[in-house]
Amino acid sequence: IRGRSYEETLMILELMPYRACYPIFKLVYSA
């Protein structure tokens, strides 16, 4: 997700199958 736009990042994090995506999604949303 480094270097990508905010909206594109949210789409990527929702579709990736890793457990690490949820806390990172929350941090991006919080930022």
PDB file of all heavy atoms in Angstrom:
ATOM      1  N   ILE A   1       0.807  -1.228   0.000  1.00  0.00           N
ATOM      2  CA  ILE A   1       0.000   0.000   0.000  1.00  0.00           C
ATOM      3  C   ILE A   1       0.834   1.269   0.000  1.00  0.00           C
ATOM      4  O   ILE A   1       0.290   2.358  -0.190  1.00  0.00           O
ATOM      5  CB  ILE A   1      -0.968   0.029   1.199  1.00  0.00           C
ATOM      6  CG1 ILE A   1      -0.204   0.109   2.519  1.00  0.00           C
ATOM      7  CG2 ILE A   1      -1.889  -1.158   1.162  1.00  0.00           C
ATOM      8  CD1 ILE A   1      -1.068   0.401   3.697  1.00  0.00           C
ATOM      9  N   ARG A   2       2.130   1.162   0.199  1.00  0.00           N
ATOM     10  CA  ARG A   2       2.980   2.354   0.284  1.00  0.00           C
ATOM     11  C   ARG A   2       2.985   3.102  -1.047  1.00  0.00           C
ATOM     12  O   ARG A   2       3.231   2.537  -2.093  1.00  0.00           O
ATOM     13  CB  ARG A   2       4.400   1.943   0.658  1.00  0.00           C
ATOM     14  CG  ARG A   2       5.285   3.097   1.021  1.00  0.00           C
ATOM     15  CD  ARG A   2       6.645   2.626   1.466  1.00  0.00           C
ATOM     16  NE  ARG A   2       6.589   1.974   2.765  1.00  0.00           N
ATOM     17  CZ  ARG A   2       7.014   0.744   2.984  1.00  0.00           C
ATOM     18  NH1 ARG A   2       7.504   0.011   2.009  1.00  0.00           N
ATOM     19  NH2 ARG A   2       6.952   0.217   4.193  1.00  0.00           N
ATOM     20  N   GLY A   3       2.684   4.407  -1.018  1.00  0.00           N
ATOM     21  CA  GLY A   3       2.696   5.236  -2.215  1.00  0.00           C
ATOM     22  C   GLY A   3       1.377   5.279  -2.964  1.00  0.00           C
ATOM     23  O   GLY A   3       1.268   5.971  -3.965  1.00  0.00           O
ATOM     24  N   ARG A   4       0.366   4.573  -2.507  1.00  0.00           N
ATOM     25  CA  ARG A   4      -0.917   4.540  -3.214  1.00  0.00           C
ATOM     26  C   ARG A   4      -1.875   5.579  -2.638  1.00  0.00           C
ATOM     27  O   ARG A   4      -1.672   6.110  -1.561  1.00  0.00           O
ATOM     28  CB  ARG A   4      -1.545   3.152  -3.119  1.00  0.00           C
ATOM     29  CG  ARG A   4      -0.717   2.085  -3.791  1.00  0.00           C
ATOM     30  CD  ARG A   4      -1.471   0.788  -3.802  1.00  0.00           C
ATOM     31  NE  ARG A   4      -0.649  -0.295  -4.304  1.00  0.00           N
ATOM     32  CZ  ARG A   4      -0.703  -0.741  -5.537  1.00  0.00           C
ATOM     33  NH1 ARG A   4      -1.525  -0.202  -6.400  1.00  0.00           N
ATOM     34  NH2 ARG A   4       0.059  -1.735  -5.915  1.00  0.00           N
ATOM     35  N   SER A   5      -2.948   5.832  -3.378  1.00  0.00           N
ATOM     36  CA  SER A   5      -3.948   6.784  -2.911  1.00  0.00           C
ATOM     37  C   SER A   5      -4.775   6.157  -1.790  1.00  0.00           C
ATOM     38  O   SER A   5      -4.803   4.934  -1.618  1.00  0.00           O
ATOM     39  CB  SER A   5      -4.851   7.215  -4.059  1.00  0.00           C
ATOM     40  OG  SER A   5      -5.656   6.135  -4.463  1.00  0.00           O
ATOM     41  N   TYR A   6      -5.477   6.993  -1.062  1.00  0.00           N
ATOM     42  CA  TYR A   6      -6.254   6.543   0.092  1.00  0.00           C
ATOM     43  C   TYR A   6      -7.372   5.598  -0.329  1.00  0.00           C
ATOM     44  O   TYR A   6      -7.558   4.526   0.270  1.00  0.00           O
ATOM     45  CB  TYR A   6      -6.804   7.767   0.827  1.00  0.00           C
ATOM     46  CG  TYR A   6      -7.876   7.451   1.830  1.00  0.00           C
ATOM     47  CD1 TYR A   6      -7.575   6.773   3.000  1.00  0.00           C
ATOM     48  CD2 TYR A   6      -9.194   7.826   1.610  1.00  0.00           C
ATOM     49  CE1 TYR A   6      -8.549   6.473   3.927  1.00  0.00           C
ATOM     50  CE2 TYR A   6     -10.173   7.530   2.534  1.00  0.00           C
ATOM     51  CZ  TYR A   6      -9.849   6.863   3.681  1.00  0.00           C
ATOM     52  OH  TYR A   6     -10.822   6.565   4.588  1.00  0.00           O
ATOM     53  N   GLU A   7      -8.113   5.957  -1.364  1.00  0.00           N
ATOM     54  CA  GLU A   7      -9.247   5.134  -1.788  1.00  0.00           C
ATOM     55  C   GLU A   7      -8.780   3.789  -2.349  1.00  0.00           C
ATOM     56  O   GLU A   7      -9.396   2.755  -2.097  1.00  0.00           O
ATOM     57  CB  GLU A   7     -10.076   5.893  -2.820  1.00  0.00           C
ATOM     58  CG  GLU A   7     -10.736   7.124  -2.222  1.00  0.00           C
ATOM     59  CD  GLU A   7     -11.290   8.062  -3.270  1.00  0.00           C
ATOM     60  OE1 GLU A   7     -11.001   7.863  -4.464  1.00  0.00           O
ATOM     61  OE2 GLU A   7     -12.013   8.991  -2.874  1.00  0.00           O
ATOM     62  N   GLU A   8      -7.688   3.806  -3.099  1.00  0.00           N
ATOM     63  CA  GLU A   8      -7.147   2.566  -3.647  1.00  0.00           C
ATOM     64  C   GLU A   8      -6.630   1.664  -2.526  1.00  0.00           C
ATOM     65  O   GLU A   8      -6.778   0.436  -2.584  1.00  0.00           O
ATOM     66  CB  GLU A   8      -6.019   2.889  -4.626  1.00  0.00           C
ATOM     67  CG  GLU A   8      -5.491   1.713  -5.381  1.00  0.00           C
ATOM     68  CD  GLU A   8      -4.376   2.093  -6.337  1.00  0.00           C
ATOM     69  OE1 GLU A   8      -3.994   3.283  -6.383  1.00  0.00           O
ATOM     70  OE2 GLU A   8      -3.888   1.193  -7.028  1.00  0.00           O
ATOM     71  N   THR A   9      -6.066   2.261  -1.500  1.00  0.00           N
ATOM     72  CA  THR A   9      -5.558   1.503  -0.365  1.00  0.00           C
ATOM     73  C   THR A   9      -6.678   0.778   0.365  1.00  0.00           C
ATOM     74  O   THR A   9      -6.528  -0.390   0.734  1.00  0.00           O
ATOM     75  CB  THR A   9      -4.822   2.446   0.599  1.00  0.00           C
ATOM     76  OG1 THR A   9      -3.735   3.043  -0.084  1.00  0.00           O
ATOM     77  CG2 THR A   9      -4.305   1.701   1.799  1.00  0.00           C
ATOM     78  N   LEU A  10      -7.796   1.454   0.559  1.00  0.00           N
ATOM     79  CA  LEU A  10      -8.914   0.817   1.252  1.00  0.00           C
ATOM     80  C   LEU A  10      -9.429  -0.379   0.459  1.00  0.00           C
ATOM     81  O   LEU A  10      -9.758  -1.422   1.035  1.00  0.00           O
ATOM     82  CB  LEU A  10     -10.046   1.826   1.480  1.00  0.00           C
ATOM     83  CG  LEU A  10      -9.752   2.947   2.473  1.00  0.00           C
ATOM     84  CD1 LEU A  10     -10.994   3.798   2.666  1.00  0.00           C
ATOM     85  CD2 LEU A  10      -9.279   2.405   3.792  1.00  0.00           C
ATOM     86  N   MET A  11      -9.505  -0.253  -0.864  1.00  0.00           N
ATOM     87  CA  MET A  11      -9.957  -1.374  -1.685  1.00  0.00           C
ATOM     88  C   MET A  11      -8.978  -2.547  -1.604  1.00  0.00           C
ATOM     89  O   MET A  11      -9.390  -3.709  -1.506  1.00  0.00           O
ATOM     90  CB  MET A  11     -10.128  -0.936  -3.136  1.00  0.00           C
ATOM     91  CG  MET A  11     -11.343  -0.068  -3.354  1.00  0.00           C
ATOM     92  SD  MET A  11     -11.677   0.223  -5.076  1.00  0.00           S
ATOM     93  CE  MET A  11     -10.363   1.318  -5.512  1.00  0.00           C
ATOM     94  N   ILE A  12      -7.684  -2.252  -1.651  1.00  0.00           N
ATOM     95  CA  ILE A  12      -6.681  -3.312  -1.587  1.00  0.00           C
ATOM     96  C   ILE A  12      -6.749  -4.042  -0.249  1.00  0.00           C
ATOM     97  O   ILE A  12      -6.711  -5.277  -0.188  1.00  0.00           O
ATOM     98  CB  ILE A  12      -5.274  -2.729  -1.825  1.00  0.00           C
ATOM     99  CG1 ILE A  12      -5.124  -2.328  -3.281  1.00  0.00           C
ATOM    100  CG2 ILE A  12      -4.189  -3.715  -1.430  1.00  0.00           C
ATOM    101  CD1 ILE A  12      -3.858  -1.572  -3.563  1.00  0.00           C
ATOM    102  N   LEU A  13      -6.861  -3.276   0.844  1.00  0.00           N
ATOM    103  CA  LEU A  13      -6.869  -3.891   2.167  1.00  0.00           C
ATOM    104  C   LEU A  13      -8.120  -4.728   2.414  1.00  0.00           C
ATOM    105  O   LEU A  13      -8.080  -5.716   3.150  1.00  0.00           O
ATOM    106  CB  LEU A  13      -6.733  -2.815   3.246  1.00  0.00           C
ATOM    107  CG  LEU A  13      -5.367  -2.158   3.334  1.00  0.00           C
ATOM    108  CD1 LEU A  13      -5.391  -1.027   4.332  1.00  0.00           C
ATOM    109  CD2 LEU A  13      -4.308  -3.171   3.708  1.00  0.00           C
ATOM    110  N   GLU A  14      -9.247  -4.331   1.820  1.00  0.00           N
ATOM    111  CA  GLU A  14     -10.462  -5.123   1.996  1.00  0.00           C
ATOM    112  C   GLU A  14     -10.379  -6.455   1.267  1.00  0.00           C
ATOM    113  O   GLU A  14     -10.979  -7.437   1.688  1.00  0.00           O
ATOM    114  CB  GLU A  14     -11.674  -4.344   1.497  1.00  0.00           C
ATOM    115  CG  GLU A  14     -12.111  -3.243   2.435  1.00  0.00           C
ATOM    116  CD  GLU A  14     -13.287  -2.455   1.882  1.00  0.00           C
ATOM    117  OE1 GLU A  14     -13.764  -2.785   0.785  1.00  0.00           O
ATOM    118  OE2 GLU A  14     -13.714  -1.520   2.566  1.00  0.00           O
ATOM    119  N   LEU A  15      -9.621  -6.513   0.178  1.00  0.00           N
ATOM    120  CA  LEU A  15      -9.598  -7.711  -0.646  1.00  0.00           C
ATOM    121  C   LEU A  15      -8.422  -8.646  -0.364  1.00  0.00           C
ATOM    122  O   LEU A  15      -8.432  -9.782  -0.826  1.00  0.00           O
ATOM    123  CB  LEU A  15      -9.592  -7.321  -2.126  1.00  0.00           C
ATOM    124  CG  LEU A  15     -10.848  -6.581  -2.588  1.00  0.00           C
ATOM    125  CD1 LEU A  15     -10.684  -6.116  -4.014  1.00  0.00           C
ATOM    126  CD2 LEU A  15     -12.069  -7.462  -2.450  1.00  0.00           C
ATOM    127  N   MET A  16      -7.425  -8.182   0.357  1.00  0.00           N
ATOM    128  CA  MET A  16      -6.267  -9.038   0.646  1.00  0.00           C
ATOM    129  C   MET A  16      -6.634 -10.065   1.714  1.00  0.00           C
ATOM    130  O   MET A  16      -7.353  -9.754   2.660  1.00  0.00           O
ATOM    131  CB  MET A  16      -5.074  -8.205   1.103  1.00  0.00           C
ATOM    132  CG  MET A  16      -4.407  -7.461  -0.015  1.00  0.00           C
ATOM    133  SD  MET A  16      -3.025  -6.487   0.534  1.00  0.00           S
ATOM    134  CE  MET A  16      -1.750  -7.699   0.528  1.00  0.00           C
ATOM    135  N   PRO A  17      -6.140 -11.286   1.591  1.00  0.00           N
ATOM    136  CA  PRO A  17      -6.564 -12.362   2.502  1.00  0.00           C
ATOM    137  C   PRO A  17      -5.741 -12.499   3.785  1.00  0.00           C
ATOM    138  O   PRO A  17      -5.785 -13.529   4.420  1.00  0.00           O
ATOM    139  CB  PRO A  17      -6.385 -13.608   1.626  1.00  0.00           C
ATOM    140  CG  PRO A  17      -5.234 -13.277   0.765  1.00  0.00           C
ATOM    141  CD  PRO A  17      -5.345 -11.804   0.481  1.00  0.00           C
ATOM    142  N   TYR A  18      -4.993 -11.479   4.178  1.00  0.00           N
ATOM    143  CA  TYR A  18      -4.112 -11.606   5.336  1.00  0.00           C
ATOM    144  C   TYR A  18      -4.768 -11.042   6.587  1.00  0.00           C
ATOM    145  O   TYR A  18      -5.564 -10.107   6.537  1.00  0.00           O
ATOM    146  CB  TYR A  18      -2.791 -10.869   5.085  1.00  0.00           C
ATOM    147  CG  TYR A  18      -2.058 -11.360   3.872  1.00  0.00           C
ATOM    148  CD1 TYR A  18      -1.789 -10.508   2.808  1.00  0.00           C
ATOM    149  CD2 TYR A  18      -1.641 -12.673   3.778  1.00  0.00           C
ATOM    150  CE1 TYR A  18      -1.119 -10.952   1.691  1.00  0.00           C
ATOM    151  CE2 TYR A  18      -0.966 -13.135   2.668  1.00  0.00           C
ATOM    152  CZ  TYR A  18      -0.711 -12.269   1.631  1.00  0.00           C
ATOM    153  OH  TYR A  18      -0.057 -12.707   0.527  1.00  0.00           O
ATOM    154  N   ARG A  19      -4.367 -11.616   7.746  1.00  0.00           N
ATOM    155  CA  ARG A  19      -4.904 -11.165   9.025  1.00  0.00           C
ATOM    156  C   ARG A  19      -4.393  -9.773   9.382  1.00  0.00           C
ATOM    157  O   ARG A  19      -5.022  -9.036  10.133  1.00  0.00           O
ATOM    158  CB  ARG A  19      -4.486 -12.161  10.102  1.00  0.00           C
ATOM    159  CG  ARG A  19      -5.180 -11.976  11.424  1.00  0.00           C
ATOM    160  CD  ARG A  19      -4.600 -12.936  12.419  1.00  0.00           C
ATOM    161  NE  ARG A  19      -3.285 -12.504  12.809  1.00  0.00           N
ATOM    162  CZ  ARG A  19      -2.911 -12.329  14.072  1.00  0.00           C
ATOM    163  NH1 ARG A  19      -3.741 -12.583  15.049  1.00  0.00           N
ATOM    164  NH2 ARG A  19      -1.696 -11.927  14.354  1.00  0.00           N
ATOM    165  N   ALA A  20      -3.249  -9.388   8.837  1.00  0.00           N
ATOM    166  CA  ALA A  20      -2.652  -8.087   9.135  1.00  0.00           C
ATOM    167  C   ALA A  20      -3.422  -6.940   8.499  1.00  0.00           C
ATOM    168  O   ALA A  20      -3.220  -5.785   8.854  1.00  0.00           O
ATOM    169  CB  ALA A  20      -1.209  -8.048   8.659  1.00  0.00           C
ATOM    170  N   CYS A  21      -4.315  -7.226   7.560  1.00  0.00           N
ATOM    171  CA  CYS A  21      -5.005  -6.169   6.833  1.00  0.00           C
ATOM    172  C   CYS A  21      -5.965  -5.374   7.713  1.00  0.00           C
ATOM    173  O   CYS A  21      -6.106  -4.161   7.532  1.00  0.00           O
ATOM    174  CB  CYS A  21      -5.773  -6.756   5.652  1.00  0.00           C
ATOM    175  SG  CYS A  21      -4.704  -7.366   4.370  1.00  0.00           S
ATOM    176  N   TYR A  22      -6.629  -6.049   8.647  1.00  0.00           N
ATOM    177  CA  TYR A  22      -7.651  -5.357   9.436  1.00  0.00           C
ATOM    178  C   TYR A  22      -7.066  -4.253  10.319  1.00  0.00           C
ATOM    179  O   TYR A  22      -7.562  -3.116  10.292  1.00  0.00           O
ATOM    180  CB  TYR A  22      -8.459  -6.356  10.259  1.00  0.00           C
ATOM    181  CG  TYR A  22      -9.581  -5.713  11.008  1.00  0.00           C
ATOM    182  CD1 TYR A  22     -10.656  -5.135  10.327  1.00  0.00           C
ATOM    183  CD2 TYR A  22      -9.568  -5.642  12.393  1.00  0.00           C
ATOM    184  CE1 TYR A  22     -11.681  -4.522  11.014  1.00  0.00           C
ATOM    185  CE2 TYR A  22     -10.591  -5.030  13.081  1.00  0.00           C
ATOM    186  CZ  TYR A  22     -11.648  -4.472  12.394  1.00  0.00           C
ATOM    187  OH  TYR A  22     -12.663  -3.863  13.081  1.00  0.00           O
ATOM    188  N   PRO A  23      -6.014  -4.495  11.135  1.00  0.00           N
ATOM    189  CA  PRO A  23      -5.464  -3.377  11.917  1.00  0.00           C
ATOM    190  C   PRO A  23      -4.862  -2.269  11.055  1.00  0.00           C
ATOM    191  O   PRO A  23      -4.945  -1.090  11.409  1.00  0.00           O
ATOM    192  CB  PRO A  23      -4.388  -4.022  12.791  1.00  0.00           C
ATOM    193  CG  PRO A  23      -4.304  -5.425  12.420  1.00  0.00           C
ATOM    194  CD  PRO A  23      -5.400  -5.766  11.488  1.00  0.00           C
ATOM    195  N   ILE A  24      -4.282  -2.629   9.907  1.00  0.00           N
ATOM    196  CA  ILE A  24      -3.736  -1.605   9.009  1.00  0.00           C
ATOM    197  C   ILE A  24      -4.865  -0.801   8.385  1.00  0.00           C
ATOM    198  O   ILE A  24      -4.773   0.421   8.244  1.00  0.00           O
ATOM    199  CB  ILE A  24      -2.835  -2.258   7.946  1.00  0.00           C
ATOM    200  CG1 ILE A  24      -1.597  -2.848   8.623  1.00  0.00           C
ATOM    201  CG2 ILE A  24      -2.410  -1.256   6.889  1.00  0.00           C
ATOM    202  CD1 ILE A  24      -0.745  -3.687   7.730  1.00  0.00           C
ATOM    203  N   PHE A  25      -5.968  -1.474   8.037  1.00  0.00           N
ATOM    204  CA  PHE A  25      -7.151  -0.790   7.517  1.00  0.00           C
ATOM    205  C   PHE A  25      -7.673   0.229   8.530  1.00  0.00           C
ATOM    206  O   PHE A  25      -8.005   1.365   8.176  1.00  0.00           O
ATOM    207  CB  PHE A  25      -8.237  -1.832   7.192  1.00  0.00           C
ATOM    208  CG  PHE A  25      -9.515  -1.252   6.683  1.00  0.00           C
ATOM    209  CD1 PHE A  25      -9.667  -0.966   5.340  1.00  0.00           C
ATOM    210  CD2 PHE A  25     -10.572  -0.997   7.535  1.00  0.00           C
ATOM    211  CE1 PHE A  25     -10.844  -0.433   4.854  1.00  0.00           C
ATOM    212  CE2 PHE A  25     -11.755  -0.473   7.069  1.00  0.00           C
ATOM    213  CZ  PHE A  25     -11.893  -0.190   5.730  1.00  0.00           C
ATOM    214  N   LYS A  26      -7.732  -0.174   9.794  1.00  0.00           N
ATOM    215  CA  LYS A  26      -8.201   0.738  10.835  1.00  0.00           C
ATOM    216  C   LYS A  26      -7.280   1.941  10.997  1.00  0.00           C
ATOM    217  O   LYS A  26      -7.743   3.062  11.209  1.00  0.00           O
ATOM    218  CB  LYS A  26      -8.330  -0.006  12.158  1.00  0.00           C
ATOM    219  CG  LYS A  26      -9.541  -0.910  12.222  1.00  0.00           C
ATOM    220  CD  LYS A  26      -9.573  -1.808  13.434  1.00  0.00           C
ATOM    221  CE  LYS A  26      -9.481  -1.075  14.732  1.00  0.00           C
ATOM    222  NZ  LYS A  26      -9.666  -1.965  15.901  1.00  0.00           N
ATOM    223  N   LEU A  27      -5.956   1.714  10.863  1.00  0.00           N
ATOM    224  CA  LEU A  27      -5.006   2.821  10.991  1.00  0.00           C
ATOM    225  C   LEU A  27      -5.105   3.793   9.822  1.00  0.00           C
ATOM    226  O   LEU A  27      -5.046   5.009  10.015  1.00  0.00           O
ATOM    227  CB  LEU A  27      -3.583   2.283  11.075  1.00  0.00           C
ATOM    228  CG  LEU A  27      -3.122   1.876  12.463  1.00  0.00           C
ATOM    229  CD1 LEU A  27      -1.771   1.218  12.385  1.00  0.00           C
ATOM    230  CD2 LEU A  27      -3.072   3.074  13.369  1.00  0.00           C
ATOM    231  N   VAL A  28      -5.263   3.261   8.610  1.00  0.00           N
ATOM    232  CA  VAL A  28      -5.392   4.132   7.435  1.00  0.00           C
ATOM    233  C   VAL A  28      -6.674   4.945   7.544  1.00  0.00           C
ATOM    234  O   VAL A  28      -6.697   6.150   7.257  1.00  0.00           O
ATOM    235  CB  VAL A  28      -5.361   3.294   6.139  1.00  0.00           C
ATOM    236  CG1 VAL A  28      -5.731   4.136   4.941  1.00  0.00           C
ATOM    237  CG2 VAL A  28      -3.997   2.684   5.936  1.00  0.00           C
ATOM    238  N   TYR A  29      -7.740   4.299   7.979  1.00  0.00           N
ATOM    239  CA  TYR A  29      -9.025   4.983   8.142  1.00  0.00           C
ATOM    240  C   TYR A  29      -8.922   6.064   9.227  1.00  0.00           C
ATOM    241  O   TYR A  29      -9.462   7.163   9.088  1.00  0.00           O
ATOM    242  CB  TYR A  29     -10.093   3.955   8.504  1.00  0.00           C
ATOM    243  CG  TYR A  29     -11.500   4.432   8.319  1.00  0.00           C
ATOM    244  CD1 TYR A  29     -12.064   4.498   7.051  1.00  0.00           C
ATOM    245  CD2 TYR A  29     -12.274   4.825   9.408  1.00  0.00           C
ATOM    246  CE1 TYR A  29     -13.355   4.937   6.877  1.00  0.00           C
ATOM    247  CE2 TYR A  29     -13.555   5.267   9.242  1.00  0.00           C
ATOM    248  CZ  TYR A  29     -14.102   5.319   7.981  1.00  0.00           C
ATOM    249  OH  TYR A  29     -15.380   5.771   7.811  1.00  0.00           O
ATOM    250  N   SER A  30      -8.201   5.753  10.301  1.00  0.00           N
ATOM    251  CA  SER A  30      -8.019   6.717  11.386  1.00  0.00           C
ATOM    252  C   SER A  30      -7.178   7.908  10.935  1.00  0.00           C
ATOM    253  O   SER A  30      -7.459   9.057  11.300  1.00  0.00           O
ATOM    254  CB  SER A  30      -7.360   6.031  12.572  1.00  0.00           C
ATOM    255  OG  SER A  30      -7.041   6.956  13.572  1.00  0.00           O
ATOM    256  N   ALA A  31      -6.130   7.651  10.149  1.00  0.00           N
ATOM    257  CA  ALA A  31      -5.291   8.744   9.652  1.00  0.00           C
ATOM    258  C   ALA A  31      -6.092   9.654   8.725  1.00  0.00           C
ATOM    259  O   ALA A  31      -5.927  10.879   8.750  1.00  0.00           O
ATOM    260  CB  ALA A  31      -4.073   8.184   8.927  1.00  0.00           C
TER     261      ALA A  31
END
